[in-house]
Amino acid sequence: MSSIASLLSVFVLLGGLMATAWFLRRYRDRLNRHFTQGPMTMRGMLHLGDGARVYLIDVEGVSLVCGVGRNGIGAIQAIGKTKPEEFHL
């Protein structure tokens, strides 16, 4: 009887872990927006292929276009203070 209760406990624990992982994966973006409200925000991302991406990042009102690739990260262009809806990727 004890082994059945132990197995049931393990299955309940694994089910809870799987449900938590599913919840966090599904609502990851909403949770990130809620908990990361600082001076830096990512406004957009564009995949260029072969592991390369271009990001548009706001840092205290200044927009930065950054390139990320296999060789590292680099700032491509700094754009002065912009209005929030002025520039889109």
PDB file of N, CA and C in Angstrom:
ATOM      1  N   MET A   1       0.816  -1.192   0.000  1.00  0.00           N
ATOM      2  CA  MET A   1       0.000   0.000   0.000  1.00  0.00           C
ATOM      3  C   MET A   1       0.864   1.261   0.000  1.00  0.00           C
ATOM      4  N   SER A   2       1.986   1.179   0.714  1.00  0.00           N
ATOM      5  CA  SER A   2       2.886   2.321   0.818  1.00  0.00           C
ATOM      6  C   SER A   2       3.512   2.649  -0.539  1.00  0.00           C
ATOM      7  N   SER A   3       3.825   1.618  -1.331  1.00  0.00           N
ATOM      8  CA  SER A   3       4.446   1.869  -2.631  1.00  0.00           C
ATOM      9  C   SER A   3       3.456   2.522  -3.594  1.00  0.00           C
ATOM     10  N   ILE A   4       2.186   2.188  -3.484  1.00  0.00           N
ATOM     11  CA  ILE A   4       1.173   2.823  -4.341  1.00  0.00           C
ATOM     12  C   ILE A   4       1.050   4.302  -3.986  1.00  0.00           C
ATOM     13  N   ALA A   5       1.066   4.620  -2.721  1.00  0.00           N
ATOM     14  CA  ALA A   5       0.990   6.019  -2.298  1.00  0.00           C
ATOM     15  C   ALA A   5       2.231   6.783  -2.745  1.00  0.00           C
ATOM     16  N   SER A   6       3.386   6.148  -2.684  1.00  0.00           N
ATOM     17  CA  SER A   6       4.624   6.792  -3.136  1.00  0.00           C
ATOM     18  C   SER A   6       4.573   7.069  -4.636  1.00  0.00           C
ATOM     19  N   LEU A   7       4.121   6.082  -5.406  1.00  0.00           N
ATOM     20  CA  LEU A   7       4.002   6.282  -6.855  1.00  0.00           C
ATOM     21  C   LEU A   7       2.999   7.379  -7.180  1.00  0.00           C
ATOM     22  N   LEU A   8       1.899   7.408  -6.480  1.00  0.00           N
ATOM     23  CA  LEU A   8       0.903   8.447  -6.700  1.00  0.00           C
ATOM     24  C   LEU A   8       1.489   9.826  -6.380  1.00  0.00           C
ATOM     25  N   SER A   9       2.262   9.917  -5.317  1.00  0.00           N
ATOM     26  CA  SER A   9       2.900  11.181  -4.952  1.00  0.00           C
ATOM     27  C   SER A   9       3.872  11.641  -6.031  1.00  0.00           C
ATOM     28  N   VAL A  10       4.642  10.706  -6.572  1.00  0.00           N
ATOM     29  CA  VAL A  10       5.597  11.043  -7.641  1.00  0.00           C
ATOM     30  C   VAL A  10       4.854  11.527  -8.872  1.00  0.00           C
ATOM     31  N   PHE A  11       3.771  10.863  -9.258  1.00  0.00           N
ATOM     32  CA  PHE A  11       3.008  11.280 -10.430  1.00  0.00           C
ATOM     33  C   PHE A  11       2.357  12.644 -10.222  1.00  0.00           C
ATOM     34  N   VAL A  12       1.869  12.919  -9.023  1.00  0.00           N
ATOM     35  CA  VAL A  12       1.285  14.234  -8.735  1.00  0.00           C
ATOM     36  C   VAL A  12       2.359  15.316  -8.806  1.00  0.00           C
ATOM     37  N   LEU A  13       3.537  15.040  -8.270  1.00  0.00           N
ATOM     38  CA  LEU A  13       4.631  16.000  -8.312  1.00  0.00           C
ATOM     39  C   LEU A  13       5.083  16.273  -9.742  1.00  0.00           C
ATOM     40  N   LEU A  14       5.266  15.214 -10.536  1.00  0.00           N
ATOM     41  CA  LEU A  14       5.658  15.382 -11.933  1.00  0.00           C
ATOM     42  C   LEU A  14       4.586  16.116 -12.734  1.00  0.00           C
ATOM     43  N   GLY A  15       3.330  15.811 -12.466  1.00  0.00           N
ATOM     44  CA  GLY A  15       2.239  16.527 -13.145  1.00  0.00           C
ATOM     45  C   GLY A  15       2.240  18.002 -12.797  1.00  0.00           C
ATOM     46  N   GLY A  16       2.490  18.322 -11.535  1.00  0.00           N
ATOM     47  CA  GLY A  16       2.569  19.732 -11.134  1.00  0.00           C
ATOM     48  C   GLY A  16       3.732  20.451 -11.787  1.00  0.00           C
ATOM     49  N   LEU A  17       4.882  19.780 -11.875  1.00  0.00           N
ATOM     50  CA  LEU A  17       6.038  20.382 -12.544  1.00  0.00           C
ATOM     51  C   LEU A  17       5.776  20.601 -14.033  1.00  0.00           C
ATOM     52  N   MET A  18       5.126  19.636 -14.669  1.00  0.00           N
ATOM     53  CA  MET A  18       4.804  19.789 -16.093  1.00  0.00           C
ATOM     54  C   MET A  18       3.798  20.909 -16.307  1.00  0.00           C
ATOM     55  N   ALA A  19       2.809  21.028 -15.438  1.00  0.00           N
ATOM     56  CA  ALA A  19       1.822  22.109 -15.554  1.00  0.00           C
ATOM     57  C   ALA A  19       2.483  23.467 -15.340  1.00  0.00           C
ATOM     58  N   THR A  20       3.407  23.556 -14.393  1.00  0.00           N
ATOM     59  CA  THR A  20       4.119  24.814 -14.154  1.00  0.00           C
ATOM     60  C   THR A  20       4.985  25.181 -15.352  1.00  0.00           C
ATOM     61  N   ALA A  21       5.681  24.199 -15.929  1.00  0.00           N
ATOM     62  CA  ALA A  21       6.511  24.466 -17.107  1.00  0.00           C
ATOM     63  C   ALA A  21       5.655  24.927 -18.276  1.00  0.00           C
ATOM     64  N   TRP A  22       4.514  24.302 -18.479  1.00  0.00           N
ATOM     65  CA  TRP A  22       3.613  24.702 -19.569  1.00  0.00           C
ATOM     66  C   TRP A  22       3.116  26.133 -19.350  1.00  0.00           C
ATOM     67  N   PHE A  23       2.711  26.441 -18.109  1.00  0.00           N
ATOM     68  CA  PHE A  23       2.215  27.780 -17.794  1.00  0.00           C
ATOM     69  C   PHE A  23       3.290  28.841 -18.032  1.00  0.00           C
ATOM     70  N   LEU A  24       4.500  28.592 -17.568  1.00  0.00           N
ATOM     71  CA  LEU A  24       5.576  29.569 -17.736  1.00  0.00           C
ATOM     72  C   LEU A  24       5.955  29.749 -19.197  1.00  0.00           C
ATOM     73  N   ARG A  25       5.936  28.662 -19.972  1.00  0.00           N
ATOM     74  CA  ARG A  25       6.260  28.788 -21.387  1.00  0.00           C
ATOM     75  C   ARG A  25       5.165  29.566 -22.134  1.00  0.00           C
ATOM     76  N   ARG A  26       3.916  29.299 -21.782  1.00  0.00           N
ATOM     77  CA  ARG A  26       2.799  29.939 -22.474  1.00  0.00           C
ATOM     78  C   ARG A  26       2.697  31.426 -22.143  1.00  0.00           C
ATOM     79  N   TYR A  27       2.910  31.805 -20.887  1.00  0.00           N
ATOM     80  CA  TYR A  27       2.727  33.187 -20.453  1.00  0.00           C
ATOM     81  C   TYR A  27       4.049  33.891 -20.162  1.00  0.00           C
ATOM     82  N   ARG A  28       5.152  33.406 -20.734  1.00  0.00           N
ATOM     83  CA  ARG A  28       6.481  33.965 -20.497  1.00  0.00           C
ATOM     84  C   ARG A  28       6.565  35.443 -20.870  1.00  0.00           C
ATOM     85  N   ASP A  29       6.059  35.821 -22.018  1.00  0.00           N
ATOM     86  CA  ASP A  29       6.168  37.213 -22.465  1.00  0.00           C
ATOM     87  C   ASP A  29       5.392  38.159 -21.557  1.00  0.00           C
ATOM     88  N   ARG A  30       4.193  37.758 -21.148  1.00  0.00           N
ATOM     89  CA  ARG A  30       3.406  38.612 -20.256  1.00  0.00           C
ATOM     90  C   ARG A  30       4.080  38.763 -18.899  1.00  0.00           C
ATOM     91  N   LEU A  31       4.637  37.681 -18.391  1.00  0.00           N
ATOM     92  CA  LEU A  31       5.329  37.751 -17.106  1.00  0.00           C
ATOM     93  C   LEU A  31       6.586  38.607 -17.202  1.00  0.00           C
ATOM     94  N   ASN A  32       7.319  38.489 -18.305  1.00  0.00           N
ATOM     95  CA  ASN A  32       8.520  39.309 -18.480  1.00  0.00           C
ATOM     96  C   ASN A  32       8.176  40.790 -18.524  1.00  0.00           C
ATOM     97  N   ARG A  33       7.125  41.148 -19.245  1.00  0.00           N
ATOM     98  CA  ARG A  33       6.728  42.550 -19.317  1.00  0.00           C
ATOM     99  C   ARG A  33       6.320  43.086 -17.955  1.00  0.00           C
ATOM    100  N   HIS A  34       5.675  42.243 -17.166  1.00  0.00           N
ATOM    101  CA  HIS A  34       5.209  42.681 -15.857  1.00  0.00           C
ATOM    102  C   HIS A  34       6.361  42.887 -14.876  1.00  0.00           C
ATOM    103  N   PHE A  35       7.348  41.999 -14.902  1.00  0.00           N
ATOM    104  CA  PHE A  35       8.425  42.058 -13.920  1.00  0.00           C
ATOM    105  C   PHE A  35       9.652  42.833 -14.377  1.00  0.00           C
ATOM    106  N   THR A  36       9.772  43.165 -15.649  1.00  0.00           N
ATOM    107  CA  THR A  36      10.964  43.861 -16.138  1.00  0.00           C
ATOM    108  C   THR A  36      10.597  45.228 -16.684  1.00  0.00           C
ATOM    109  N   GLN A  37      10.127  46.091 -15.844  1.00  0.00           N
ATOM    110  CA  GLN A  37       9.791  47.441 -16.264  1.00  0.00           C
ATOM    111  C   GLN A  37      10.907  48.372 -15.811  1.00  0.00           C
ATOM    112  N   GLY A  38      11.941  48.454 -16.603  1.00  0.00           N
ATOM    113  CA  GLY A  38      13.083  49.286 -16.282  1.00  0.00           C
ATOM    114  C   GLY A  38      13.340  50.284 -17.393  1.00  0.00           C
ATOM    115  N   PRO A  39      14.513  50.890 -17.401  1.00  0.00           N
ATOM    116  CA  PRO A  39      14.829  51.895 -18.406  1.00  0.00           C
ATOM    117  C   PRO A  39      15.136  51.313 -19.782  1.00  0.00           C
ATOM    118  N   MET A  40      15.275  49.982 -19.888  1.00  0.00           N
ATOM    119  CA  MET A  40      15.629  49.365 -21.160  1.00  0.00           C
ATOM    120  C   MET A  40      14.531  48.399 -21.592  1.00  0.00           C
ATOM    121  N   THR A  41      14.026  48.556 -22.826  1.00  0.00           N
ATOM    122  CA  THR A  41      13.002  47.663 -23.354  1.00  0.00           C
ATOM    123  C   THR A  41      13.369  47.234 -24.770  1.00  0.00           C
ATOM    124  N   MET A  42      13.022  46.003 -25.131  1.00  0.00           N
ATOM    125  CA  MET A  42      13.233  45.525 -26.486  1.00  0.00           C
ATOM    126  C   MET A  42      11.955  45.781 -27.269  1.00  0.00           C
ATOM    127  N   ARG A  43      12.063  46.544 -28.341  1.00  0.00           N
ATOM    128  CA  ARG A  43      10.880  46.917 -29.105  1.00  0.00           C
ATOM    129  C   ARG A  43      10.623  45.993 -30.285  1.00  0.00           C
ATOM    130  N   GLY A  44      11.659  45.317 -30.774  1.00  0.00           N
ATOM    131  CA  GLY A  44      11.448  44.427 -31.907  1.00  0.00           C
ATOM    132  C   GLY A  44      12.682  43.603 -32.215  1.00  0.00           C
ATOM    133  N   MET A  45      12.466  42.526 -32.984  1.00  0.00           N
ATOM    134  CA  MET A  45      13.555  41.636 -33.362  1.00  0.00           C
ATOM    135  C   MET A  45      13.275  41.111 -34.761  1.00  0.00           C
ATOM    136  N   LEU A  46      14.331  40.937 -35.536  1.00  0.00           N
ATOM    137  CA  LEU A  46      14.202  40.429 -36.894  1.00  0.00           C
ATOM    138  C   LEU A  46      15.275  39.372 -37.120  1.00  0.00           C
ATOM    139  N   HIS A  47      14.854  38.152 -37.510  1.00  0.00           N
ATOM    140  CA  HIS A  47      15.803  37.078 -37.816  1.00  0.00           C
ATOM    141  C   HIS A  47      16.355  37.300 -39.221  1.00  0.00           C
ATOM    142  N   LEU A  48      17.669  37.230 -39.349  1.00  0.00           N
ATOM    143  CA  LEU A  48      18.307  37.407 -40.652  1.00  0.00           C
ATOM    144  C   LEU A  48      18.785  36.087 -41.242  1.00  0.00           C
ATOM    145  N   GLY A  49      18.728  35.024 -40.487  1.00  0.00           N
ATOM    146  CA  GLY A  49      19.190  33.722 -40.950  1.00  0.00           C
ATOM    147  C   GLY A  49      20.594  33.432 -40.453  1.00  0.00           C
ATOM    148  N   ASP A  50      20.956  32.158 -40.423  1.00  0.00           N
ATOM    149  CA  ASP A  50      22.283  31.696 -40.011  1.00  0.00           C
ATOM    150  C   ASP A  50      22.659  32.184 -38.613  1.00  0.00           C
ATOM    151  N   GLY A  51      21.673  32.271 -37.729  1.00  0.00           N
ATOM    152  CA  GLY A  51      21.924  32.662 -36.346  1.00  0.00           C
ATOM    153  C   GLY A  51      22.069  34.146 -36.117  1.00  0.00           C
ATOM    154  N   ALA A  52      21.879  34.972 -37.135  1.00  0.00           N
ATOM    155  CA  ALA A  52      22.021  36.421 -36.998  1.00  0.00           C
ATOM    156  C   ALA A  52      20.650  37.061 -36.794  1.00  0.00           C
ATOM    157  N   ARG A  53      20.617  38.065 -35.913  1.00  0.00           N
ATOM    158  CA  ARG A  53      19.381  38.785 -35.631  1.00  0.00           C
ATOM    159  C   ARG A  53      19.675  40.268 -35.478  1.00  0.00           C
ATOM    160  N   VAL A  54      18.659  41.083 -35.704  1.00  0.00           N
ATOM    161  CA  VAL A  54      18.739  42.532 -35.484  1.00  0.00           C
ATOM    162  C   VAL A  54      17.681  42.889 -34.447  1.00  0.00           C
ATOM    163  N   TYR A  55      18.089  43.646 -33.422  1.00  0.00           N
ATOM    164  CA  TYR A  55      17.196  44.046 -32.341  1.00  0.00           C
ATOM    165  C   TYR A  55      17.048  45.555 -32.334  1.00  0.00           C
ATOM    166  N   LEU A  56      15.855  46.029 -32.005  1.00  0.00           N
ATOM    167  CA  LEU A  56      15.608  47.439 -31.751  1.00  0.00           C
ATOM    168  C   LEU A  56      15.339  47.572 -30.258  1.00  0.00           C
ATOM    169  N   ILE A  57      16.205  48.323 -29.565  1.00  0.00           N
ATOM    170  CA  ILE A  57      16.157  48.435 -28.115  1.00  0.00           C
ATOM    171  C   ILE A  57      16.029  49.901 -27.736  1.00  0.00           C
ATOM    172  N   ASP A  58      15.155  50.199 -26.780  1.00  0.00           N
ATOM    173  CA  ASP A  58      15.011  51.542 -26.222  1.00  0.00           C
ATOM    174  C   ASP A  58      15.736  51.603 -24.894  1.00  0.00           C
ATOM    175  N   VAL A  59      16.616  52.582 -24.743  1.00  0.00           N
ATOM    176  CA  VAL A  59      17.304  52.810 -23.474  1.00  0.00           C
ATOM    177  C   VAL A  59      17.064  54.260 -23.109  1.00  0.00           C
ATOM    178  N   GLU A  60      16.157  54.476 -22.167  1.00  0.00           N
ATOM    179  CA  GLU A  60      15.798  55.815 -21.684  1.00  0.00           C
ATOM    180  C   GLU A  60      15.492  56.785 -22.825  1.00  0.00           C
ATOM    181  N   GLY A  61      14.689  56.332 -23.775  1.00  0.00           N
ATOM    182  CA  GLY A  61      14.241  57.184 -24.864  1.00  0.00           C
ATOM    183  C   GLY A  61      15.133  57.179 -26.091  1.00  0.00           C
ATOM    184  N   VAL A  62      16.316  56.617 -26.015  1.00  0.00           N
ATOM    185  CA  VAL A  62      17.220  56.522 -27.159  1.00  0.00           C
ATOM    186  C   VAL A  62      17.089  55.121 -27.743  1.00  0.00           C
ATOM    187  N   SER A  63      16.828  55.039 -29.046  1.00  0.00           N
ATOM    188  CA  SER A  63      16.678  53.746 -29.705  1.00  0.00           C
ATOM    189  C   SER A  63      18.016  53.289 -30.261  1.00  0.00           C
ATOM    190  N   LEU A  64      18.335  52.021 -30.039  1.00  0.00           N
ATOM    191  CA  LEU A  64      19.560  51.423 -30.544  1.00  0.00           C
ATOM    192  C   LEU A  64      19.201  50.254 -31.443  1.00  0.00           C
ATOM    193  N   VAL A  65      19.829  50.177 -32.599  1.00  0.00           N
ATOM    194  CA  VAL A  65      19.697  49.029 -33.482  1.00  0.00           C
ATOM    195  C   VAL A  65      20.963  48.205 -33.281  1.00  0.00           C
ATOM    196  N   CYS A  66      20.799  46.969 -32.800  1.00  0.00           N
ATOM    197  CA  CYS A  66      21.937  46.111 -32.469  1.00  0.00           C
ATOM    198  C   CYS A  66      21.900  44.855 -33.323  1.00  0.00           C
ATOM    199  N   GLY A  67      23.072  44.430 -33.752  1.00  0.00           N
ATOM    200  CA  GLY A  67      23.203  43.184 -34.481  1.00  0.00           C
ATOM    201  C   GLY A  67      23.772  42.111 -33.575  1.00  0.00           C
ATOM    202  N   VAL A  68      23.180  40.919 -33.625  1.00  0.00           N
ATOM    203  CA  VAL A  68      23.642  39.786 -32.820  1.00  0.00           C
ATOM    204  C   VAL A  68      23.921  38.647 -33.776  1.00  0.00           C
ATOM    205  N   GLY A  69      25.138  38.120 -33.702  1.00  0.00           N
ATOM    206  CA  GLY A  69      25.520  37.013 -34.569  1.00  0.00           C
ATOM    207  C   GLY A  69      26.424  36.054 -33.844  1.00  0.00           C
ATOM    208  N   ARG A  70      27.005  35.151 -34.598  1.00  0.00           N
ATOM    209  CA  ARG A  70      27.877  34.147 -33.996  1.00  0.00           C
ATOM    210  C   ARG A  70      29.175  34.761 -33.473  1.00  0.00           C
ATOM    211  N   ASN A  71      29.565  35.890 -33.999  1.00  0.00           N
ATOM    212  CA  ASN A  71      30.817  36.516 -33.577  1.00  0.00           C
ATOM    213  C   ASN A  71      30.633  37.536 -32.468  1.00  0.00           C
ATOM    214  N   GLY A  72      29.424  37.757 -32.018  1.00  0.00           N
ATOM    215  CA  GLY A  72      29.196  38.684 -30.912  1.00  0.00           C
ATOM    216  C   GLY A  72      28.047  39.633 -31.162  1.00  0.00           C
ATOM    217  N   ILE A  73      28.042  40.698 -30.365  1.00  0.00           N
ATOM    218  CA  ILE A  73      26.983  41.705 -30.394  1.00  0.00           C
ATOM    219  C   ILE A  73      27.620  43.038 -30.740  1.00  0.00           C
ATOM    220  N   GLY A  74      26.942  43.817 -31.577  1.00  0.00           N
ATOM    221  CA  GLY A  74      27.453  45.133 -31.918  1.00  0.00           C
ATOM    222  C   GLY A  74      26.336  46.115 -32.169  1.00  0.00           C
ATOM    223  N   ALA A  75      26.553  47.369 -31.760  1.00  0.00           N
ATOM    224  CA  ALA A  75      25.581  48.427 -32.033  1.00  0.00           C
ATOM    225  C   ALA A  75      25.755  48.868 -33.476  1.00  0.00           C
ATOM    226  N   ILE A  76      24.677  48.881 -34.214  1.00  0.00           N
ATOM    227  CA  ILE A  76      24.728  49.279 -35.620  1.00  0.00           C
ATOM    228  C   ILE A  76      24.419  50.765 -35.761  1.00  0.00           C
ATOM    229  N   GLN A  77      23.379  51.217 -35.061  1.00  0.00           N
ATOM    230  CA  GLN A  77      22.942  52.607 -35.197  1.00  0.00           C
ATOM    231  C   GLN A  77      22.281  53.061 -33.911  1.00  0.00           C
ATOM    232  N   ALA A  78      22.583  54.290 -33.493  1.00  0.00           N
ATOM    233  CA  ALA A  78      21.897  54.913 -32.363  1.00  0.00           C
ATOM    234  C   ALA A  78      20.986  55.990 -32.920  1.00  0.00           C
ATOM    235  N   ILE A  79      19.728  55.912 -32.569  1.00  0.00           N
ATOM    236  CA  ILE A  79      18.725  56.860 -33.037  1.00  0.00           C
ATOM    237  C   ILE A  79      18.348  57.716 -31.845  1.00  0.00           C
ATOM    238  N   GLY A  80      18.284  59.039 -32.028  1.00  0.00           N
ATOM    239  CA  GLY A  80      17.976  59.946 -30.920  1.00  0.00           C
ATOM    240  C   GLY A  80      16.639  59.674 -30.287  1.00  0.00           C
ATOM    241  N   LYS A  81      16.271  60.490 -29.342  1.00  0.00           N
ATOM    242  CA  LYS A  81      15.005  60.308 -28.637  1.00  0.00           C
ATOM    243  C   LYS A  81      13.860  60.308 -29.631  1.00  0.00           C
ATOM    244  N   THR A  82      13.020  59.270 -29.517  1.00  0.00           N
ATOM    245  CA  THR A  82      11.901  59.097 -30.448  1.00  0.00           C
ATOM    246  C   THR A  82      10.608  58.960 -29.690  1.00  0.00           C
ATOM    247  N   LYS A  83       9.536  59.147 -30.401  1.00  0.00           N
ATOM    248  CA  LYS A  83       8.217  58.873 -29.837  1.00  0.00           C
ATOM    249  C   LYS A  83       7.994  57.365 -29.885  1.00  0.00           C
ATOM    250  N   PRO A  84       7.212  56.802 -28.967  1.00  0.00           N
ATOM    251  CA  PRO A  84       7.048  55.348 -28.902  1.00  0.00           C
ATOM    252  C   PRO A  84       6.522  54.697 -30.187  1.00  0.00           C
ATOM    253  N   GLU A  85       5.659  55.357 -30.946  1.00  0.00           N
ATOM    254  CA  GLU A  85       5.077  54.738 -32.141  1.00  0.00           C
ATOM    255  C   GLU A  85       5.780  55.175 -33.419  1.00  0.00           C
ATOM    256  N   GLU A  86       6.915  55.840 -33.327  1.00  0.00           N
ATOM    257  CA  GLU A  86       7.551  56.416 -34.509  1.00  0.00           C
ATOM    258  C   GLU A  86       8.322  55.403 -35.341  1.00  0.00           C
ATOM    259  N   PHE A  87       8.919  54.414 -34.727  1.00  0.00           N
ATOM    260  CA  PHE A  87       9.818  53.510 -35.444  1.00  0.00           C
ATOM    261  C   PHE A  87       9.434  52.063 -35.171  1.00  0.00           C
ATOM    262  N   HIS A  88       9.253  51.265 -36.222  1.00  0.00           N
ATOM    263  CA  HIS A  88       8.881  49.859 -36.076  1.00  0.00           C
ATOM    264  C   HIS A  88       9.800  49.003 -36.913  1.00  0.00           C
ATOM    265  N   LEU A  89      10.095  47.794 -36.431  1.00  0.00           N
ATOM    266  CA  LEU A  89      10.834  46.809 -37.233  1.00  0.00           C
ATOM    267  C   LEU A  89       9.856  45.961 -38.008  1.00  0.00           C
TER     268      LEU A  89
END
